[in-house]
C-alpha atoms as a PDB file:
ATOM      1  CA  MET A   1     -59.056  83.294   0.122  1.00  0.00           C
ATOM      2  CA  ALA A   2     -57.271  81.351   2.839  1.00  0.00           C
ATOM      3  CA  VAL A   3     -54.519  78.947   1.869  1.00  0.00           C
ATOM      4  CA  ALA A   4     -55.742  75.352   2.009  1.00  0.00           C
ATOM      5  CA  LYS A   5     -53.891  73.305   4.573  1.00  0.00           C
ATOM      6  CA  PRO A   6     -52.625  70.100   2.915  1.00  0.00           C
ATOM      7  CA  GLN A   7     -53.399  66.787   4.569  1.00  0.00           C
ATOM      8  CA  SER A   8     -50.693  65.430   6.848  1.00  0.00           C
ATOM      9  CA  THR A   9     -49.015  62.242   5.651  1.00  0.00           C
ATOM     10  CA  ARG A  10     -46.569  61.799   8.507  1.00  0.00           C
ATOM     11  CA  ARG A  11     -45.355  58.232   8.833  1.00  0.00           C
ATOM     12  CA  SER A  12     -46.534  56.441  11.953  1.00  0.00           C
ATOM     13  CA  ARG A  13     -44.101  56.039  14.813  1.00  0.00           C
ATOM     14  CA  PRO A  14     -44.228  55.274  18.541  1.00  0.00           C
ATOM     15  CA  GLN A  15     -46.156  57.729  20.691  1.00  0.00           C
ATOM     16  CA  GLU A  16     -43.880  60.375  22.202  1.00  0.00           C
ATOM     17  CA  ARG A  17     -44.359  61.793  25.642  1.00  0.00           C
ATOM     18  CA  PRO A  18     -45.594  65.396  25.564  1.00  0.00           C
ATOM     19  CA  LEU A  19     -42.804  67.949  25.670  1.00  0.00           C
ATOM     20  CA  THR A  20     -43.096  70.978  27.940  1.00  0.00           C
ATOM     21  CA  LEU A  21     -40.687  73.775  27.078  1.00  0.00           C
ATOM     22  CA  THR A  22     -39.508  75.159  30.389  1.00  0.00           C
ATOM     23  CA  PRO A  23     -37.216  78.212  30.188  1.00  0.00           C
ATOM     24  CA  ALA A  24     -34.216  75.876  30.321  1.00  0.00           C
ATOM     25  CA  ALA A  25     -35.645  73.620  27.615  1.00  0.00           C
ATOM     26  CA  ARG A  26     -36.395  76.656  25.459  1.00  0.00           C
ATOM     27  CA  ARG A  27     -32.802  77.818  25.787  1.00  0.00           C
ATOM     28  CA  ILE A  28     -31.484  74.343  25.013  1.00  0.00           C
ATOM     29  CA  LEU A  29     -33.633  74.086  21.891  1.00  0.00           C
ATOM     30  CA  ASP A  30     -32.609  77.534  20.655  1.00  0.00           C
ATOM     31  CA  VAL A  31     -28.921  76.812  21.170  1.00  0.00           C
ATOM     32  CA  ALA A  32     -29.101  73.309  19.722  1.00  0.00           C
ATOM     33  CA  GLY A  33     -31.051  74.505  16.701  1.00  0.00           C
ATOM     34  CA  ASP A  34     -28.459  77.131  15.880  1.00  0.00           C
ATOM     35  CA  LEU A  35     -25.613  74.652  16.306  1.00  0.00           C
ATOM     36  CA  PHE A  36     -27.301  71.868  14.338  1.00  0.00           C
ATOM     37  CA  TYR A  37     -27.986  74.219  11.446  1.00  0.00           C
ATOM     38  CA  THR A  38     -24.652  76.023  11.316  1.00  0.00           C
ATOM     39  CA  ARG A  39     -22.312  73.139  12.192  1.00  0.00           C
ATOM     40  CA  GLY A  40     -24.251  70.033  11.258  1.00  0.00           C
ATOM     41  CA  ILE A  41     -26.271  67.597  13.336  1.00  0.00           C
ATOM     42  CA  ASN A  42     -23.676  64.846  13.418  1.00  0.00           C
ATOM     43  CA  THR A  43     -20.783  67.101  14.428  1.00  0.00           C
ATOM     44  CA  VAL A  44     -22.550  68.679  17.413  1.00  0.00           C
ATOM     45  CA  GLY A  45     -22.372  66.743  20.672  1.00  0.00           C
ATOM     46  CA  MET A  46     -24.442  67.231  23.774  1.00  0.00           C
ATOM     47  CA  GLU A  47     -21.388  68.536  25.619  1.00  0.00           C
ATOM     48  CA  LEU A  48     -21.265  71.555  23.317  1.00  0.00           C
ATOM     49  CA  VAL A  49     -25.003  72.149  23.556  1.00  0.00           C
ATOM     50  CA  ALA A  50     -24.817  71.995  27.350  1.00  0.00           C
ATOM     51  CA  GLU A  51     -21.890  74.394  27.432  1.00  0.00           C
ATOM     52  CA  ARG A  52     -23.523  76.942  25.127  1.00  0.00           C
ATOM     53  CA  ALA A  53     -26.914  76.680  26.840  1.00  0.00           C
ATOM     54  CA  GLU A  54     -25.264  76.887  30.272  1.00  0.00           C
ATOM     55  CA  VAL A  55     -26.934  73.733  31.527  1.00  0.00           C
ATOM     56  CA  THR A  56     -25.747  70.245  32.404  1.00  0.00           C
ATOM     57  CA  LYS A  57     -26.027  67.293  30.046  1.00  0.00           C
ATOM     58  CA  LYS A  58     -28.373  65.755  32.589  1.00  0.00           C
ATOM     59  CA  THR A  59     -30.719  68.714  32.146  1.00  0.00           C
ATOM     60  CA  ILE A  60     -30.764  68.151  28.386  1.00  0.00           C
ATOM     61  CA  TYR A  61     -31.628  64.490  28.781  1.00  0.00           C
ATOM     62  CA  ASP A  62     -34.162  65.238  31.518  1.00  0.00           C
ATOM     63  CA  ARG A  63     -35.957  67.674  29.196  1.00  0.00           C
ATOM     64  CA  PHE A  64     -35.622  65.878  25.841  1.00  0.00           C
ATOM     65  CA  GLY A  65     -34.729  62.280  26.627  1.00  0.00           C
ATOM     66  CA  SER A  66     -32.222  61.878  23.802  1.00  0.00           C
ATOM     67  CA  LYS A  67     -30.286  63.729  21.136  1.00  0.00           C
ATOM     68  CA  GLN A  68     -32.647  62.200  18.597  1.00  0.00           C
ATOM     69  CA  ARG A  69     -35.642  63.882  20.232  1.00  0.00           C
ATOM     70  CA  LEU A  70     -33.755  67.174  20.390  1.00  0.00           C
ATOM     71  CA  VAL A  71     -33.009  66.942  16.666  1.00  0.00           C
ATOM     72  CA  VAL A  72     -36.645  66.180  15.896  1.00  0.00           C
ATOM     73  CA  GLU A  73     -37.872  69.134  17.964  1.00  0.00           C
ATOM     74  CA  TYR A  74     -35.366  71.431  16.220  1.00  0.00           C
ATOM     75  CA  LEU A  75     -36.640  70.325  12.810  1.00  0.00           C
ATOM     76  CA  ARG A  76     -40.293  70.565  13.832  1.00  0.00           C
ATOM     77  CA  GLU A  77     -39.874  74.064  15.151  1.00  0.00           C
ATOM     78  CA  ARG A  78     -37.981  75.266  12.094  1.00  0.00           C
ATOM     79  CA  ASP A  79     -40.583  73.643   9.866  1.00  0.00           C
ATOM     80  CA  ALA A  80     -43.408  75.397  11.723  1.00  0.00           C
ATOM     81  CA  ARG A  81     -41.685  78.777  11.362  1.00  0.00           C
ATOM     82  CA  TRP A  82     -41.131  78.229   7.645  1.00  0.00           C
ATOM     83  CA  ARG A  83     -44.731  77.202   7.032  1.00  0.00           C
ATOM     84  CA  ALA A  84     -46.045  80.232   8.905  1.00  0.00           C
ATOM     85  CA  HIS A  85     -43.689  82.506   6.961  1.00  0.00           C
ATOM     86  CA  LEU A  86     -44.695  81.069   3.593  1.00  0.00           C
ATOM     87  CA  THR A  87     -48.442  80.898   4.163  1.00  0.00           C
ATOM     88  CA  GLY A  88     -48.384  84.410   5.581  1.00  0.00           C
ATOM     89  CA  HIS A  89     -46.911  85.747   2.341  1.00  0.00           C
ATOM     90  CA  VAL A  90     -49.407  83.805   0.246  1.00  0.00           C
ATOM     91  CA  GLU A  91     -52.434  84.911   2.250  1.00  0.00           C
ATOM     92  CA  ARG A  92     -51.387  88.558   2.052  1.00  0.00           C
ATOM     93  CA  ALA A  93     -51.032  88.422  -1.735  1.00  0.00           C
ATOM     94  CA  ASP A  94     -53.774  89.367  -4.180  1.00  0.00           C
ATOM     95  CA  ASP A  95     -56.314  86.596  -4.615  1.00  0.00           C
ATOM     96  CA  SER A  96     -55.232  85.489  -8.074  1.00  0.00           C
ATOM     97  CA  PRO A  97     -53.324  82.351  -9.086  1.00  0.00           C
ATOM     98  CA  ARG A  98     -50.369  84.286 -10.488  1.00  0.00           C
ATOM     99  CA  ALA A  99     -50.046  86.530  -7.439  1.00  0.00           C
ATOM    100  CA  ARG A 100     -50.322  83.650  -5.005  1.00  0.00           C
ATOM    101  CA  VAL A 101     -47.661  81.607  -6.799  1.00  0.00           C
ATOM    102  CA  ALA A 102     -45.367  84.626  -7.049  1.00  0.00           C
ATOM    103  CA  ALA A 103     -45.768  85.205  -3.309  1.00  0.00           C
ATOM    104  CA  THR A 104     -44.206  81.824  -2.543  1.00  0.00           C
ATOM    105  CA  TYR A 105     -40.965  82.919  -4.201  1.00  0.00           C
ATOM    106  CA  ASP A 106     -41.072  86.297  -2.471  1.00  0.00           C
ATOM    107  CA  ALA A 107     -41.376  84.408   0.814  1.00  0.00           C
ATOM    108  CA  LEU A 108     -38.452  82.207  -0.163  1.00  0.00           C
ATOM    109  CA  ASP A 109     -36.320  85.220  -1.028  1.00  0.00           C
ATOM    110  CA  THR A 110     -36.953  86.800   2.375  1.00  0.00           C
ATOM    111  CA  TRP A 111     -36.392  83.517   4.214  1.00  0.00           C
ATOM    112  CA  MET A 112     -33.105  82.817   2.467  1.00  0.00           C
ATOM    113  CA  GLY A 113     -31.865  86.272   3.356  1.00  0.00           C
ATOM    114  CA  GLN A 114     -32.726  85.884   7.037  1.00  0.00           C
ATOM    115  CA  GLU A 115     -32.859  82.193   7.964  1.00  0.00           C
ATOM    116  CA  ASN A 116     -31.262  80.067   5.273  1.00  0.00           C
ATOM    117  CA  GLN A 117     -27.584  80.937   5.064  1.00  0.00           C
ATOM    118  CA  ARG A 118     -26.551  77.272   4.862  1.00  0.00           C
ATOM    119  CA  GLY A 119     -29.285  75.961   2.619  1.00  0.00           C
ATOM    120  CA  CYS A 120     -32.461  74.084   3.430  1.00  0.00           C
ATOM    121  CA  ALA A 121     -32.328  72.691   6.961  1.00  0.00           C
ATOM    122  CA  MET A 122     -34.584  69.798   5.962  1.00  0.00           C
ATOM    123  CA  VAL A 123     -32.408  68.748   3.039  1.00  0.00           C
ATOM    124  CA  ASN A 124     -29.285  69.098   5.169  1.00  0.00           C
ATOM    125  CA  ALA A 125     -30.807  66.969   7.930  1.00  0.00           C
ATOM    126  CA  TYR A 126     -32.055  64.360   5.477  1.00  0.00           C
ATOM    127  CA  ALA A 127     -28.526  63.960   4.138  1.00  0.00           C
ATOM    128  CA  GLU A 128     -27.010  63.731   7.615  1.00  0.00           C
ATOM    129  CA  LEU A 129     -29.519  61.324   9.149  1.00  0.00           C
ATOM    130  CA  SER A 130     -28.561  58.138   7.340  1.00  0.00           C
ATOM    131  CA  ASP A 131     -30.828  55.860   9.392  1.00  0.00           C
ATOM    132  CA  PRO A 132     -34.014  55.533   7.282  1.00  0.00           C
ATOM    133  CA  ASP A 133     -36.049  55.126  10.479  1.00  0.00           C
ATOM    134  CA  HIS A 134     -34.787  58.295  12.149  1.00  0.00           C
ATOM    135  CA  PRO A 135     -37.912  60.369  12.906  1.00  0.00           C
ATOM    136  CA  GLY A 136     -36.099  63.512  11.783  1.00  0.00           C
ATOM    137  CA  ARG A 137     -36.204  62.229   8.222  1.00  0.00           C
ATOM    138  CA  ALA A 138     -39.992  61.976   8.480  1.00  0.00           C
ATOM    139  CA  VAL A 139     -40.164  65.670   9.434  1.00  0.00           C
ATOM    140  CA  ALA A 140     -38.146  66.594   6.344  1.00  0.00           C
ATOM    141  CA  GLU A 141     -40.212  64.345   4.076  1.00  0.00           C
ATOM    142  CA  GLU A 142     -43.449  65.779   5.411  1.00  0.00           C
ATOM    143  CA  GLN A 143     -42.341  69.346   4.785  1.00  0.00           C
ATOM    144  CA  LYS A 144     -41.530  68.593   1.154  1.00  0.00           C
ATOM    145  CA  ARG A 145     -44.885  66.854   0.680  1.00  0.00           C
ATOM    146  CA  TRP A 146     -46.591  69.833   2.270  1.00  0.00           C
ATOM    147  CA  LEU A 147     -44.850  72.231  -0.117  1.00  0.00           C
ATOM    148  CA  ARG A 148     -45.815  70.136  -3.129  1.00  0.00           C
ATOM    149  CA  ASP A 149     -49.409  69.950  -1.901  1.00  0.00           C
ATOM    150  CA  LEU A 150     -49.428  73.721  -1.430  1.00  0.00           C
ATOM    151  CA  TYR A 151     -48.296  74.213  -5.018  1.00  0.00           C
ATOM    152  CA  THR A 152     -50.853  71.650  -6.197  1.00  0.00           C
ATOM    153  CA  GLY A 153     -53.620  73.684  -4.594  1.00  0.00           C
ATOM    154  CA  LEU A 154     -52.354  76.893  -6.168  1.00  0.00           C
ATOM    155  CA  ALA A 155     -51.874  75.216  -9.546  1.00  0.00           C
ATOM    156  CA  ALA A 156     -55.432  73.872  -9.492  1.00  0.00           C
ATOM    157  CA  ARG A 157     -56.715  77.445  -9.369  1.00  0.00           C
ATOM    158  CA  THR A 158     -54.968  78.307 -12.644  1.00  0.00           C
ATOM    159  CA  GLY A 159     -57.199  76.042 -14.690  1.00  0.00           C
ATOM    160  CA  ALA A 160     -54.164  74.130 -15.952  1.00  0.00           C
ATOM    161  CA  GLU A 161     -54.944  70.817 -17.649  1.00  0.00           C
ATOM    162  CA  ASP A 162     -52.493  69.002 -15.372  1.00  0.00           C
ATOM    163  CA  PRO A 163     -52.167  70.926 -12.099  1.00  0.00           C
ATOM    164  CA  ARG A 164     -49.978  68.265 -10.480  1.00  0.00           C
ATOM    165  CA  GLU A 165     -47.425  68.528 -13.266  1.00  0.00           C
ATOM    166  CA  LEU A 166     -47.454  72.307 -12.908  1.00  0.00           C
ATOM    167  CA  ALA A 167     -47.111  71.947  -9.132  1.00  0.00           C
ATOM    168  CA  ASP A 168     -44.097  69.674  -9.554  1.00  0.00           C
ATOM    169  CA  ALA A 169     -42.454  72.232 -11.834  1.00  0.00           C
ATOM    170  CA  LEU A 170     -43.123  75.066  -9.381  1.00  0.00           C
ATOM    171  CA  ALA A 171     -41.750  73.026  -6.473  1.00  0.00           C
ATOM    172  CA  MET A 172     -38.632  72.185  -8.466  1.00  0.00           C
ATOM    173  CA  LEU A 173     -38.062  75.851  -9.260  1.00  0.00           C
ATOM    174  CA  HIS A 174     -38.443  76.566  -5.555  1.00  0.00           C
ATOM    175  CA  GLU A 175     -35.938  73.901  -4.483  1.00  0.00           C
ATOM    176  CA  GLY A 176     -33.565  74.822  -7.287  1.00  0.00           C
ATOM    177  CA  ALA A 177     -33.503  78.443  -6.163  1.00  0.00           C
ATOM    178  CA  VAL A 178     -32.318  77.356  -2.713  1.00  0.00           C
ATOM    179  CA  VAL A 179     -29.462  75.356  -4.213  1.00  0.00           C
ATOM    180  CA  ALA A 180     -28.529  78.102  -6.669  1.00  0.00           C
ATOM    181  CA  ARG A 181     -28.283  80.711  -3.948  1.00  0.00           C
ATOM    182  CA  ASN A 182     -26.472  78.649  -1.352  1.00  0.00           C
ATOM    183  CA  VAL A 183     -24.220  76.501  -3.524  1.00  0.00           C
ATOM    184  CA  THR A 184     -23.464  78.613  -6.587  1.00  0.00           C
ATOM    185  CA  GLY A 185     -23.961  82.043  -5.029  1.00  0.00           C
ATOM    186  CA  VAL A 186     -26.792  83.327  -7.236  1.00  0.00           C
ATOM    187  CA  ALA A 187     -28.038  86.076  -4.926  1.00  0.00           C
ATOM    188  CA  ASP A 188     -31.251  86.733  -6.868  1.00  0.00           C
ATOM    189  CA  ALA A 189     -32.093  83.060  -7.383  1.00  0.00           C
ATOM    190  CA  ALA A 190     -35.579  83.411  -5.885  1.00  0.00           C
ATOM    191  CA  ARG A 191     -36.381  86.359  -8.164  1.00  0.00           C
ATOM    192  CA  ILE A 192     -35.235  84.397 -11.207  1.00  0.00           C
ATOM    193  CA  ALA A 193     -37.324  81.414 -10.108  1.00  0.00           C
ATOM    194  CA  ARG A 194     -40.289  83.753  -9.574  1.00  0.00           C
ATOM    195  CA  SER A 195     -40.056  85.020 -13.158  1.00  0.00           C
ATOM    196  CA  ALA A 196     -39.765  81.492 -14.535  1.00  0.00           C
ATOM    197  CA  ALA A 197     -42.717  80.353 -12.425  1.00  0.00           C
ATOM    198  CA  ASP A 198     -44.854  83.261 -13.616  1.00  0.00           C
ATOM    199  CA  ALA A 199     -44.105  82.406 -17.238  1.00  0.00           C
ATOM    200  CA  LEU A 200     -44.960  78.785 -16.564  1.00  0.00           C
ATOM    201  CA  VAL A 201     -48.233  79.629 -14.836  1.00  0.00           C
ATOM    202  CA  THR A 202     -49.238  82.100 -17.548  1.00  0.00           C
ATOM    203  CA  ALA A 203     -48.570  79.541 -20.284  1.00  0.00           C
ATOM    204  CA  ARG A 204     -50.745  76.934 -18.580  1.00  0.00           C
ATOM    205  CA  MET A 205     -53.582  79.095 -17.321  1.00  0.00           C
ATOM    206  CA  ALA A 206     -57.028  78.718 -18.812  1.00  0.00           C
ATOM    207  CA  PRO A 207     -57.703  81.770 -21.046  1.00  0.00           C
ATOM    208  CA  THR A 208     -60.495  83.034 -18.771  1.00  0.00           C
ATOM    209  CA  ASP A 209     -58.127  83.047 -15.762  1.00  0.00           C
ATOM    210  CA  GLN A 210     -55.330  85.123 -17.295  1.00  0.00           C
ATOM    211  CA  ALA A 211     -56.837  88.541 -16.662  1.00  0.00           C
END
Protein backbone atom coordinates (compact mmCIF):
# COMPACT_ATOMS: atom_id res chain seq x y z
CA MET A 1 0.00 0.00 0.00
CA ALA A 2 1.44 3.35 -1.02
CA VAL A 3 1.78 6.07 1.58
CA ALA A 4 -0.95 8.68 1.19
CA LYS A 5 0.42 12.08 0.34
CA PRO A 6 -1.05 14.64 2.77
CA GLN A 7 -2.66 17.76 1.35
CA SER A 8 -0.42 20.80 1.14
CA THR A 9 -1.38 23.69 3.42
CA ARG A 10 1.40 26.08 2.48
CA ARG A 11 0.55 29.67 3.29
CA SER A 12 0.07 31.90 0.27
CA ARG A 13 2.86 34.26 -0.68
CA PRO A 14 3.95 36.26 -3.73
CA GLN A 15 4.74 34.26 -6.85
CA GLU A 16 8.46 33.48 -7.12
CA ARG A 17 10.32 33.40 -10.38
CA PRO A 18 11.28 29.86 -11.41
CA LEU A 19 14.72 28.83 -10.23
CA THR A 20 17.08 27.02 -12.60
CA LEU A 21 19.95 25.27 -10.86
CA THR A 22 22.96 25.81 -13.08
CA PRO A 23 26.17 24.05 -11.98
CA ALA A 24 27.20 27.22 -10.15
CA ALA A 25 23.81 27.55 -8.47
CA ARG A 26 23.94 23.89 -7.46
CA ARG A 27 27.33 24.42 -5.85
CA ILE A 28 26.14 27.57 -4.09
CA LEU A 29 23.09 25.78 -2.69
CA ASP A 30 25.14 22.80 -1.49
CA VAL A 31 27.69 25.03 0.22
CA ALA A 32 25.09 27.37 1.70
CA GLY A 33 23.00 24.47 2.97
CA ASP A 34 25.94 22.95 4.79
CA LEU A 35 26.90 26.29 6.31
CA PHE A 36 23.36 27.24 7.30
CA TYR A 37 22.86 23.91 9.03
CA THR A 38 26.21 23.63 10.79
CA ARG A 39 26.78 27.29 11.70
CA GLY A 40 23.32 28.81 11.74
CA ILE A 41 21.43 30.86 9.18
CA ASN A 42 21.92 34.21 10.87
CA THR A 43 25.67 33.81 11.40
CA VAL A 44 26.47 32.92 7.78
CA GLY A 45 26.97 35.85 5.41
CA MET A 46 27.03 35.81 1.65
CA GLU A 47 30.75 36.59 1.69
CA LEU A 48 31.45 33.22 3.31
CA VAL A 49 29.12 31.37 0.97
CA ALA A 50 30.79 33.00 -2.03
CA GLU A 51 34.24 32.14 -0.74
CA ARG A 52 33.41 28.50 -0.04
CA ALA A 53 31.51 28.05 -3.31
CA GLU A 54 34.29 29.81 -5.23
CA VAL A 55 31.93 32.29 -6.84
CA THR A 56 31.34 36.02 -6.51
CA LYS A 57 28.57 37.51 -4.40
CA LYS A 58 27.12 38.86 -7.62
CA THR A 59 26.77 35.29 -8.90
CA ILE A 60 24.83 34.33 -5.77
CA TYR A 61 22.43 37.23 -6.16
CA ASP A 62 22.13 36.65 -9.91
CA ARG A 63 21.11 33.03 -9.28
CA PHE A 64 18.98 33.41 -6.13
CA GLY A 65 18.07 37.08 -5.87
CA SER A 66 18.50 37.32 -2.11
CA LYS A 67 19.76 35.50 0.96
CA GLN A 68 16.14 34.92 1.90
CA ARG A 69 15.52 32.97 -1.30
CA LEU A 70 18.71 30.98 -0.75
CA VAL A 71 17.55 30.06 2.75
CA VAL A 72 14.15 29.01 1.45
CA GLU A 73 15.69 26.83 -1.27
CA TYR A 74 18.00 25.21 1.30
CA LEU A 75 15.03 24.36 3.52
CA ARG A 76 12.91 23.13 0.62
CA GLU A 77 15.62 20.84 -0.63
CA ARG A 78 16.35 19.41 2.81
CA ASP A 79 12.63 18.93 3.37
CA ALA A 80 12.27 17.06 0.07
CA ARG A 81 15.17 14.75 0.95
CA TRP A 82 13.70 14.02 4.38
CA ARG A 83 10.25 13.27 2.99
CA ALA A 84 11.68 10.91 0.38
CA HIS A 85 13.79 9.18 3.03
CA LEU A 86 10.86 8.73 5.40
CA THR A 87 8.25 7.64 2.86
CA GLY A 88 10.76 5.24 1.34
CA HIS A 89 11.16 3.46 4.67
CA VAL A 90 7.41 3.34 5.22
CA GLU A 91 6.63 2.00 1.76
CA ARG A 92 9.24 -0.74 2.10
CA ALA A 93 7.81 -1.92 5.43
CA ASP A 94 5.25 -4.69 5.80
CA ASP A 95 1.74 -3.51 5.05
CA SER A 96 0.48 -3.46 8.63
CA PRO A 97 -0.21 -0.46 10.88
CA ARG A 98 2.39 -1.48 13.46
CA ALA A 99 5.11 -2.09 10.88
CA ARG A 100 4.42 1.14 9.05
CA VAL A 101 4.53 3.21 12.24
CA ALA A 102 7.71 1.46 13.38
CA ALA A 103 9.31 2.23 10.02
CA THR A 104 9.00 5.97 10.64
CA TYR A 105 11.25 5.67 13.69
CA ASP A 106 13.69 3.44 11.82
CA ALA A 107 13.87 6.15 9.16
CA LEU A 108 14.44 8.77 11.85
CA ASP A 109 17.23 6.73 13.41
CA THR A 110 19.05 6.43 10.08
CA TRP A 111 18.51 10.11 9.25
CA MET A 112 19.81 11.31 12.60
CA GLY A 113 22.93 9.22 12.17
CA GLN A 114 23.66 10.60 8.70
CA GLU A 115 22.01 14.00 8.28
CA ASN A 116 20.91 15.39 11.62
CA GLN A 117 23.98 16.00 13.75
CA ARG A 118 22.72 19.41 14.90
CA GLY A 119 19.07 18.61 15.37
CA CYS A 120 16.09 19.27 13.14
CA ALA A 121 16.95 21.83 10.47
CA MET A 122 13.34 23.02 10.36
CA VAL A 123 13.14 23.64 14.09
CA ASN A 124 16.53 25.35 14.05
CA ALA A 125 15.46 27.60 11.16
CA TYR A 126 12.13 28.39 12.78
CA ALA A 127 13.94 29.58 15.89
CA GLU A 128 16.41 31.67 13.90
CA LEU A 129 13.95 33.31 11.51
CA SER A 130 12.20 35.68 13.90
CA ASP A 131 10.21 37.49 11.20
CA PRO A 132 6.79 35.74 11.19
CA ASP A 133 6.45 36.50 7.48
CA HIS A 134 9.76 34.95 6.45
CA PRO A 135 8.88 32.29 3.85
CA GLY A 136 11.39 29.92 5.43
CA ARG A 137 9.12 29.61 8.45
CA ALA A 138 6.31 28.46 6.15
CA VAL A 139 8.54 25.64 4.86
CA ALA A 140 9.20 24.48 8.42
CA GLU A 141 5.53 24.72 9.38
CA GLU A 142 4.47 22.77 6.32
CA GLN A 143 6.90 19.96 7.05
CA LYS A 144 5.56 19.54 10.58
CA ARG A 145 1.97 19.52 9.29
CA TRP A 146 2.97 16.96 6.70
CA LEU A 147 4.50 14.71 9.36
CA ARG A 148 1.40 14.97 11.54
CA ASP A 149 -0.82 14.20 8.54
CA LEU A 150 1.36 11.19 7.72
CA TYR A 151 0.92 9.86 11.25
CA THR A 152 -2.81 10.59 11.08
CA GLY A 153 -3.09 8.41 7.99
CA LEU A 154 -1.13 5.61 9.63
CA ALA A 155 -3.11 5.93 12.86
CA ALA A 156 -6.41 5.71 10.99
CA ARG A 157 -5.41 2.25 9.77
CA THR A 158 -5.07 0.97 13.34
CA GLY A 159 -8.77 1.24 14.03
CA ALA A 160 -8.09 3.55 16.98
CA GLU A 161 -11.14 5.39 18.31
CA ASP A 162 -9.32 8.73 18.01
CA PRO A 163 -6.67 8.47 15.28
CA ARG A 164 -5.78 12.16 15.47
CA GLU A 165 -4.95 11.88 19.16
CA LEU A 166 -2.83 8.82 18.42
CA ALA A 167 -1.16 10.68 15.55
CA ASP A 168 -0.32 13.60 17.83
CA ALA A 169 1.27 11.22 20.33
CA LEU A 170 3.31 9.50 17.62
CA ALA A 171 4.49 12.84 16.23
CA MET A 172 5.48 14.00 19.70
CA LEU A 173 7.50 10.84 20.26
CA HIS A 174 9.18 11.49 16.92
CA GLU A 175 10.07 15.10 17.73
CA GLY A 176 11.10 14.19 21.26
CA ALA A 177 13.54 11.59 19.96
CA VAL A 178 15.30 14.26 17.91
CA VAL A 179 15.71 16.48 20.96
CA ALA A 180 16.80 13.60 23.19
CA ARG A 181 19.51 12.53 20.80
CA ASN A 182 20.86 15.94 19.90
CA VAL A 183 20.46 17.80 23.19
CA THR A 184 20.82 15.16 25.89
CA GLY A 185 22.93 12.67 23.95
CA VAL A 186 20.59 9.66 24.04
CA ALA A 187 22.11 7.74 21.14
CA ASP A 188 19.27 5.21 20.87
CA ALA A 189 16.49 7.78 21.23
CA ALA A 190 14.75 6.71 18.02
CA ARG A 191 14.75 3.06 19.11
CA ILE A 192 13.26 4.00 22.48
CA ALA A 193 10.62 6.12 20.74
CA ARG A 194 9.90 3.21 18.39
CA SER A 195 9.21 0.88 21.32
CA ALA A 196 6.98 3.44 23.01
CA ALA A 197 5.11 4.06 19.76
CA ASP A 198 4.56 0.34 19.22
CA ALA A 199 3.12 -0.02 22.71
CA LEU A 200 0.87 2.95 22.09
CA VAL A 201 -0.36 1.63 18.75
CA THR A 202 -0.94 -1.86 20.14
CA ALA A 203 -2.97 -0.48 23.05
CA ARG A 204 -5.22 1.51 20.73
CA MET A 205 -5.63 -0.93 17.87
CA ALA A 206 -8.99 -2.50 17.22
CA PRO A 207 -8.83 -6.17 18.34
CA THR A 208 -9.24 -7.46 14.77
CA ASP A 209 -6.21 -5.42 13.61
CA GLN A 210 -3.72 -6.67 16.20
CA ALA A 211 -2.75 -9.89 14.45
